N, C-alpha and C. Protein backbone atom coordinates (compact mmCIF):
# COMPACT_ATOMS: atom_id res chain seq x y z
N MET A 1 0.82 -1.17 0.00
CA MET A 1 0.00 0.00 0.00
C MET A 1 0.87 1.25 0.00
N ASN A 2 1.98 1.14 0.66
CA ASN A 2 2.92 2.23 0.75
C ASN A 2 3.47 2.58 -0.65
N THR A 3 3.73 1.55 -1.45
CA THR A 3 4.24 1.80 -2.80
C THR A 3 3.17 2.46 -3.68
N TRP A 4 1.94 2.04 -3.42
CA TRP A 4 0.85 2.64 -4.20
C TRP A 4 0.73 4.12 -3.88
N LEU A 5 0.85 4.48 -2.66
CA LEU A 5 0.80 5.88 -2.21
C LEU A 5 1.99 6.65 -2.76
N ALA A 6 3.16 6.05 -2.78
CA ALA A 6 4.35 6.70 -3.31
C ALA A 6 4.21 6.92 -4.81
N ARG A 7 3.69 5.93 -5.48
CA ARG A 7 3.49 6.08 -6.93
C ARG A 7 2.47 7.18 -7.22
N THR A 8 1.41 7.26 -6.50
CA THR A 8 0.38 8.28 -6.70
C THR A 8 0.96 9.67 -6.41
N ALA A 9 1.74 9.76 -5.35
CA ALA A 9 2.37 11.04 -5.01
C ALA A 9 3.38 11.42 -6.09
N GLY A 10 4.14 10.44 -6.59
CA GLY A 10 5.10 10.72 -7.67
C GLY A 10 4.38 11.15 -8.94
N ALA A 11 3.27 10.49 -9.25
CA ALA A 11 2.49 10.87 -10.42
C ALA A 11 1.93 12.28 -10.24
N GLY A 12 1.46 12.58 -9.03
CA GLY A 12 0.94 13.92 -8.75
C GLY A 12 2.02 14.97 -8.91
N LEU A 13 3.26 14.66 -8.41
CA LEU A 13 4.37 15.60 -8.57
C LEU A 13 4.72 15.80 -10.04
N LEU A 14 4.70 14.69 -10.81
CA LEU A 14 4.98 14.82 -12.25
C LEU A 14 3.91 15.67 -12.95
N ILE A 15 2.67 15.47 -12.54
CA ILE A 15 1.58 16.29 -13.12
C ILE A 15 1.79 17.75 -12.74
N LEU A 16 2.12 18.01 -11.49
CA LEU A 16 2.38 19.38 -11.04
C LEU A 16 3.56 19.99 -11.79
N LEU A 17 4.62 19.18 -11.97
CA LEU A 17 5.79 19.64 -12.72
C LEU A 17 5.39 19.96 -14.17
N GLY A 18 4.58 19.11 -14.76
CA GLY A 18 4.10 19.36 -16.13
C GLY A 18 3.25 20.62 -16.23
N MET A 19 2.40 20.81 -15.23
CA MET A 19 1.57 22.02 -15.21
C MET A 19 2.43 23.27 -15.06
N THR A 20 3.45 23.17 -14.19
CA THR A 20 4.36 24.31 -14.00
C THR A 20 5.11 24.61 -15.28
N ALA A 21 5.62 23.57 -15.93
CA ALA A 21 6.35 23.77 -17.20
C ALA A 21 5.42 24.34 -18.26
N GLY A 22 4.19 23.86 -18.31
CA GLY A 22 3.21 24.37 -19.27
C GLY A 22 2.87 25.82 -19.03
N THR A 23 2.71 26.16 -17.76
CA THR A 23 2.42 27.56 -17.41
C THR A 23 3.59 28.46 -17.79
N TRP A 24 4.80 27.99 -17.50
CA TRP A 24 5.98 28.78 -17.86
C TRP A 24 6.06 28.95 -19.37
N ALA A 25 5.87 27.86 -20.12
CA ALA A 25 5.96 27.93 -21.59
C ALA A 25 4.91 28.88 -22.14
N THR A 26 3.73 28.85 -21.55
CA THR A 26 2.65 29.72 -22.02
C THR A 26 2.98 31.18 -21.75
N THR A 27 3.41 31.49 -20.53
CA THR A 27 3.62 32.90 -20.18
C THR A 27 4.93 33.46 -20.71
N GLU A 28 5.96 32.68 -20.73
CA GLU A 28 7.28 33.19 -21.11
C GLU A 28 7.60 33.02 -22.60
N HIS A 29 7.11 32.00 -23.21
CA HIS A 29 7.50 31.72 -24.59
C HIS A 29 6.36 32.03 -25.58
N PHE A 30 5.19 31.48 -25.35
CA PHE A 30 4.11 31.61 -26.32
C PHE A 30 3.36 32.92 -26.22
N ARG A 31 3.27 33.51 -25.03
CA ARG A 31 2.51 34.76 -24.87
C ARG A 31 3.08 35.88 -25.75
N PRO A 32 4.40 36.13 -25.74
CA PRO A 32 4.93 37.18 -26.62
C PRO A 32 4.65 36.89 -28.11
N LEU A 33 4.77 35.62 -28.49
CA LEU A 33 4.48 35.27 -29.88
C LEU A 33 3.01 35.51 -30.21
N LEU A 34 2.13 35.15 -29.29
CA LEU A 34 0.70 35.37 -29.50
C LEU A 34 0.38 36.86 -29.55
N ASP A 35 0.99 37.63 -28.65
CA ASP A 35 0.77 39.08 -28.66
C ASP A 35 1.24 39.70 -29.98
N ASP A 36 2.38 39.25 -30.47
CA ASP A 36 2.92 39.75 -31.73
C ASP A 36 1.96 39.44 -32.89
N GLN A 37 1.44 38.23 -32.92
CA GLN A 37 0.51 37.85 -33.98
C GLN A 37 -0.81 38.62 -33.87
N GLN A 38 -1.25 38.88 -32.65
CA GLN A 38 -2.46 39.68 -32.47
C GLN A 38 -2.25 41.11 -32.94
N ASP A 39 -1.07 41.68 -32.68
CA ASP A 39 -0.75 43.02 -33.16
C ASP A 39 -0.76 43.06 -34.70
N LYS A 40 -0.15 42.04 -35.29
CA LYS A 40 -0.12 41.98 -36.76
C LYS A 40 -1.53 41.84 -37.32
N ALA A 41 -2.35 41.03 -36.68
CA ALA A 41 -3.74 40.87 -37.13
C ALA A 41 -4.50 42.19 -37.02
N ALA A 42 -4.27 42.93 -35.93
CA ALA A 42 -4.93 44.23 -35.76
C ALA A 42 -4.48 45.21 -36.84
N LYS A 43 -3.18 45.21 -37.16
CA LYS A 43 -2.68 46.09 -38.22
C LYS A 43 -3.26 45.71 -39.57
N CYS A 44 -3.36 44.42 -39.84
CA CYS A 44 -3.95 43.97 -41.11
C CYS A 44 -5.42 44.37 -41.20
N THR A 45 -6.13 44.25 -40.10
CA THR A 45 -7.54 44.65 -40.08
C THR A 45 -7.67 46.14 -40.33
N ALA A 46 -6.82 46.93 -39.70
CA ALA A 46 -6.87 48.39 -39.90
C ALA A 46 -6.53 48.73 -41.35
N ALA A 47 -5.53 48.07 -41.91
CA ALA A 47 -5.16 48.33 -43.31
C ALA A 47 -6.29 47.93 -44.25
N ARG A 48 -6.93 46.79 -43.97
CA ARG A 48 -8.05 46.35 -44.80
C ARG A 48 -9.19 47.35 -44.74
N ASP A 49 -9.51 47.83 -43.54
CA ASP A 49 -10.58 48.81 -43.39
C ASP A 49 -10.23 50.10 -44.12
N ASN A 50 -8.96 50.51 -44.04
CA ASN A 50 -8.51 51.72 -44.74
C ASN A 50 -8.65 51.54 -46.25
N LEU A 51 -8.23 50.39 -46.76
CA LEU A 51 -8.34 50.14 -48.19
C LEU A 51 -9.80 50.06 -48.63
N ALA A 52 -10.65 49.50 -47.80
CA ALA A 52 -12.07 49.44 -48.13
C ALA A 52 -12.65 50.86 -48.22
N GLY A 53 -12.24 51.72 -47.30
CA GLY A 53 -12.69 53.12 -47.34
C GLY A 53 -12.19 53.83 -48.59
N LEU A 54 -10.92 53.60 -48.93
CA LEU A 54 -10.37 54.21 -50.14
C LEU A 54 -11.07 53.69 -51.39
N ALA A 55 -11.37 52.41 -51.43
CA ALA A 55 -12.07 51.84 -52.58
C ALA A 55 -13.46 52.45 -52.70
N THR A 56 -14.12 52.68 -51.58
CA THR A 56 -15.44 53.32 -51.60
C THR A 56 -15.33 54.74 -52.14
N GLU A 57 -14.32 55.47 -51.68
CA GLU A 57 -14.11 56.84 -52.17
C GLU A 57 -13.83 56.85 -53.67
N GLN A 58 -12.98 55.91 -54.12
CA GLN A 58 -12.66 55.84 -55.53
C GLN A 58 -13.89 55.49 -56.36
N GLY A 59 -14.71 54.59 -55.84
CA GLY A 59 -15.95 54.24 -56.54
C GLY A 59 -16.86 55.45 -56.67
N LYS A 60 -16.98 56.23 -55.61
CA LYS A 60 -17.81 57.44 -55.66
C LYS A 60 -17.23 58.44 -56.64
N ALA A 61 -15.91 58.63 -56.59
CA ALA A 61 -15.27 59.57 -57.51
C ALA A 61 -15.44 59.12 -58.95
N LEU A 62 -15.33 57.82 -59.19
CA LEU A 62 -15.52 57.30 -60.54
C LEU A 62 -16.95 57.53 -61.00
N GLY A 63 -17.90 57.31 -60.11
CA GLY A 63 -19.30 57.59 -60.44
C GLY A 63 -19.52 59.05 -60.78
N ASP A 64 -18.89 59.93 -59.99
CA ASP A 64 -18.99 61.37 -60.27
C ASP A 64 -18.39 61.71 -61.62
N LEU A 65 -17.25 61.10 -61.96
CA LEU A 65 -16.61 61.35 -63.26
C LEU A 65 -17.49 60.86 -64.40
N VAL A 66 -18.09 59.70 -64.24
CA VAL A 66 -18.97 59.17 -65.28
C VAL A 66 -20.17 60.09 -65.47
N HIS A 67 -20.73 60.56 -64.35
CA HIS A 67 -21.86 61.49 -64.44
C HIS A 67 -21.45 62.80 -65.12
N ALA A 68 -20.29 63.33 -64.73
CA ALA A 68 -19.81 64.58 -65.35
C ALA A 68 -19.56 64.38 -66.85
N ALA A 69 -19.03 63.21 -67.22
CA ALA A 69 -18.79 62.93 -68.64
C ALA A 69 -20.11 62.88 -69.41
N SER A 70 -21.13 62.26 -68.82
CA SER A 70 -22.41 62.20 -69.51
C SER A 70 -23.04 63.58 -69.63
N VAL A 71 -22.86 64.42 -68.60
CA VAL A 71 -23.37 65.80 -68.68
C VAL A 71 -22.64 66.57 -69.77
N ARG A 72 -21.29 66.41 -69.84
CA ARG A 72 -20.52 67.08 -70.88
C ARG A 72 -20.92 66.58 -72.27
N GLN A 73 -21.16 65.28 -72.38
CA GLN A 73 -21.55 64.73 -73.67
C GLN A 73 -22.90 65.28 -74.10
N ALA A 74 -23.84 65.38 -73.16
CA ALA A 74 -25.16 65.94 -73.49
C ALA A 74 -25.02 67.41 -73.91
N ALA A 75 -24.17 68.16 -73.20
CA ALA A 75 -23.96 69.57 -73.56
C ALA A 75 -23.30 69.68 -74.93
N ALA A 76 -22.33 68.80 -75.21
CA ALA A 76 -21.67 68.82 -76.52
C ALA A 76 -22.65 68.47 -77.63
N GLU A 77 -23.51 67.48 -77.39
CA GLU A 77 -24.51 67.13 -78.40
C GLU A 77 -25.47 68.28 -78.64
N GLN A 78 -25.84 68.99 -77.57
CA GLN A 78 -26.71 70.16 -77.70
C GLN A 78 -26.02 71.25 -78.51
N ALA A 79 -24.73 71.48 -78.20
CA ALA A 79 -23.98 72.52 -78.94
C ALA A 79 -23.84 72.14 -80.41
N VAL A 80 -23.58 70.88 -80.69
CA VAL A 80 -23.46 70.43 -82.09
C VAL A 80 -24.80 70.60 -82.80
N SER A 81 -25.88 70.27 -82.12
CA SER A 81 -27.21 70.42 -82.72
C SER A 81 -27.51 71.89 -83.02
N GLU A 82 -27.19 72.77 -82.07
CA GLU A 82 -27.41 74.20 -82.29
C GLU A 82 -26.52 74.73 -83.40
N ALA A 83 -25.25 74.29 -83.42
CA ALA A 83 -24.33 74.74 -84.47
C ALA A 83 -24.80 74.25 -85.84
N LYS A 84 -25.30 73.02 -85.90
CA LYS A 84 -25.80 72.48 -87.17
C LYS A 84 -27.02 73.28 -87.63
N ALA A 85 -27.92 73.60 -86.71
CA ALA A 85 -29.10 74.39 -87.07
C ALA A 85 -28.68 75.76 -87.57
N SER A 86 -27.72 76.38 -86.89
CA SER A 86 -27.23 77.69 -87.31
C SER A 86 -26.53 77.60 -88.65
N ALA A 87 -25.74 76.56 -88.84
CA ALA A 87 -25.03 76.39 -90.11
C ALA A 87 -26.00 76.12 -91.24
N ASP A 88 -27.07 75.36 -90.96
CA ASP A 88 -28.08 75.09 -91.98
C ASP A 88 -28.73 76.40 -92.44
N LEU A 89 -29.01 77.29 -91.47
CA LEU A 89 -29.59 78.59 -91.84
C LEU A 89 -28.61 79.39 -92.68
N ASP A 90 -27.33 79.42 -92.27
CA ASP A 90 -26.32 80.17 -93.02
C ASP A 90 -26.12 79.55 -94.41
N TYR A 91 -26.15 78.24 -94.49
CA TYR A 91 -25.97 77.56 -95.77
C TYR A 91 -27.15 77.87 -96.70
N ALA A 92 -28.36 77.87 -96.13
CA ALA A 92 -29.55 78.19 -96.92
C ALA A 92 -29.48 79.64 -97.39
N ALA A 93 -29.03 80.54 -96.53
CA ALA A 93 -28.92 81.96 -96.92
C ALA A 93 -27.87 82.11 -98.02
N ALA A 94 -26.75 81.40 -97.90
CA ALA A 94 -25.72 81.48 -98.93
C ALA A 94 -26.24 80.93 -100.26
N ASN A 95 -26.96 79.85 -100.23
CA ASN A 95 -27.55 79.30 -101.47
C ASN A 95 -28.54 80.28 -102.08
N ARG A 96 -29.37 80.89 -101.20
CA ARG A 96 -30.34 81.88 -101.70
C ARG A 96 -29.62 83.05 -102.34
N LEU A 97 -28.53 83.50 -101.68
CA LEU A 97 -27.78 84.62 -102.24
C LEU A 97 -27.16 84.26 -103.58
N GLN A 98 -26.65 83.06 -103.71
CA GLN A 98 -26.05 82.66 -104.98
C GLN A 98 -27.10 82.52 -106.07
N GLN A 99 -28.28 82.10 -105.70
CA GLN A 99 -29.33 81.94 -106.70
C GLN A 99 -29.85 83.30 -107.17
N GLU A 100 -29.75 84.32 -106.32
CA GLU A 100 -30.20 85.66 -106.68
C GLU A 100 -29.19 86.39 -107.55
N TRP A 101 -28.04 85.85 -107.72
CA TRP A 101 -26.97 86.53 -108.45
C TRP A 101 -27.37 86.69 -109.93
N THR A 102 -27.07 87.84 -110.45
CA THR A 102 -27.37 88.10 -111.87
C THR A 102 -26.19 88.82 -112.49
N GLY A 103 -25.51 88.15 -113.43
CA GLY A 103 -24.44 88.75 -114.22
C GLY A 103 -23.20 89.08 -113.41
N GLY A 104 -22.09 89.37 -114.13
CA GLY A 104 -20.83 89.76 -113.52
C GLY A 104 -20.02 88.57 -113.05
N ASP A 105 -18.92 88.87 -112.36
CA ASP A 105 -18.03 87.84 -111.85
C ASP A 105 -18.68 87.15 -110.66
N GLN A 106 -18.72 85.82 -110.70
CA GLN A 106 -19.41 85.06 -109.65
C GLN A 106 -18.75 85.24 -108.28
N CYS A 107 -17.45 85.21 -108.26
CA CYS A 107 -16.75 85.34 -106.97
C CYS A 107 -16.97 86.73 -106.37
N ALA A 108 -16.84 87.75 -107.17
CA ALA A 108 -17.03 89.11 -106.67
C ALA A 108 -18.47 89.31 -106.23
N ALA A 109 -19.42 88.77 -106.99
CA ALA A 109 -20.83 88.92 -106.64
C ALA A 109 -21.12 88.17 -105.34
N ALA A 110 -20.60 86.95 -105.21
CA ALA A 110 -20.84 86.17 -103.99
C ALA A 110 -20.21 86.87 -102.78
N THR A 111 -19.00 87.38 -102.95
CA THR A 111 -18.32 88.09 -101.87
C THR A 111 -19.12 89.32 -101.46
N SER A 112 -19.59 90.07 -102.43
CA SER A 112 -20.35 91.28 -102.15
C SER A 112 -21.67 90.95 -101.45
N ILE A 113 -22.34 89.95 -101.92
CA ILE A 113 -23.64 89.58 -101.32
C ILE A 113 -23.45 89.05 -99.90
N ILE A 114 -22.44 88.21 -99.69
CA ILE A 114 -22.18 87.67 -98.36
C ILE A 114 -21.77 88.78 -97.40
N ASP A 115 -20.91 89.71 -97.87
CA ASP A 115 -20.51 90.83 -97.02
C ASP A 115 -21.72 91.68 -96.65
N THR A 116 -22.63 91.88 -97.60
CA THR A 116 -23.83 92.67 -97.33
C THR A 116 -24.70 91.94 -96.30
N GLU A 117 -24.86 90.63 -96.50
CA GLU A 117 -25.70 89.82 -95.59
C GLU A 117 -25.13 89.82 -94.17
N LEU A 118 -23.79 89.77 -94.05
CA LEU A 118 -23.15 89.75 -92.73
C LEU A 118 -22.96 91.15 -92.16
N GLY A 119 -23.23 92.16 -92.94
CA GLY A 119 -23.10 93.53 -92.45
C GLY A 119 -21.67 94.02 -92.41
N LEU A 120 -20.84 93.52 -93.30
CA LEU A 120 -19.43 93.93 -93.32
C LEU A 120 -19.19 95.09 -94.26
């Protein structure tokens, strides 16, 4: 019975020694490594959040640029339409002036009629 008690006490001491070694390994060796990895994970999370914010800003800016381009395109189409209408009127007036021409040099007559029409 005495040997059984000695063996149990020895096993208990070995378990206590193992627990002590485990506690030491956890606090002295693994804790700094774990803390370092947690710091790196926090930095990665912050960087990811920052990049997500920047991507959102870029998406908004890109949307604004697309909208501004469509507004410019609509304005350009309007200006082209107005210029075409104005040019059509000027072209019709020039044709009318050329058809009204009677006798003389064609170039001089056209120049004179156009200058008169433009008020020059």
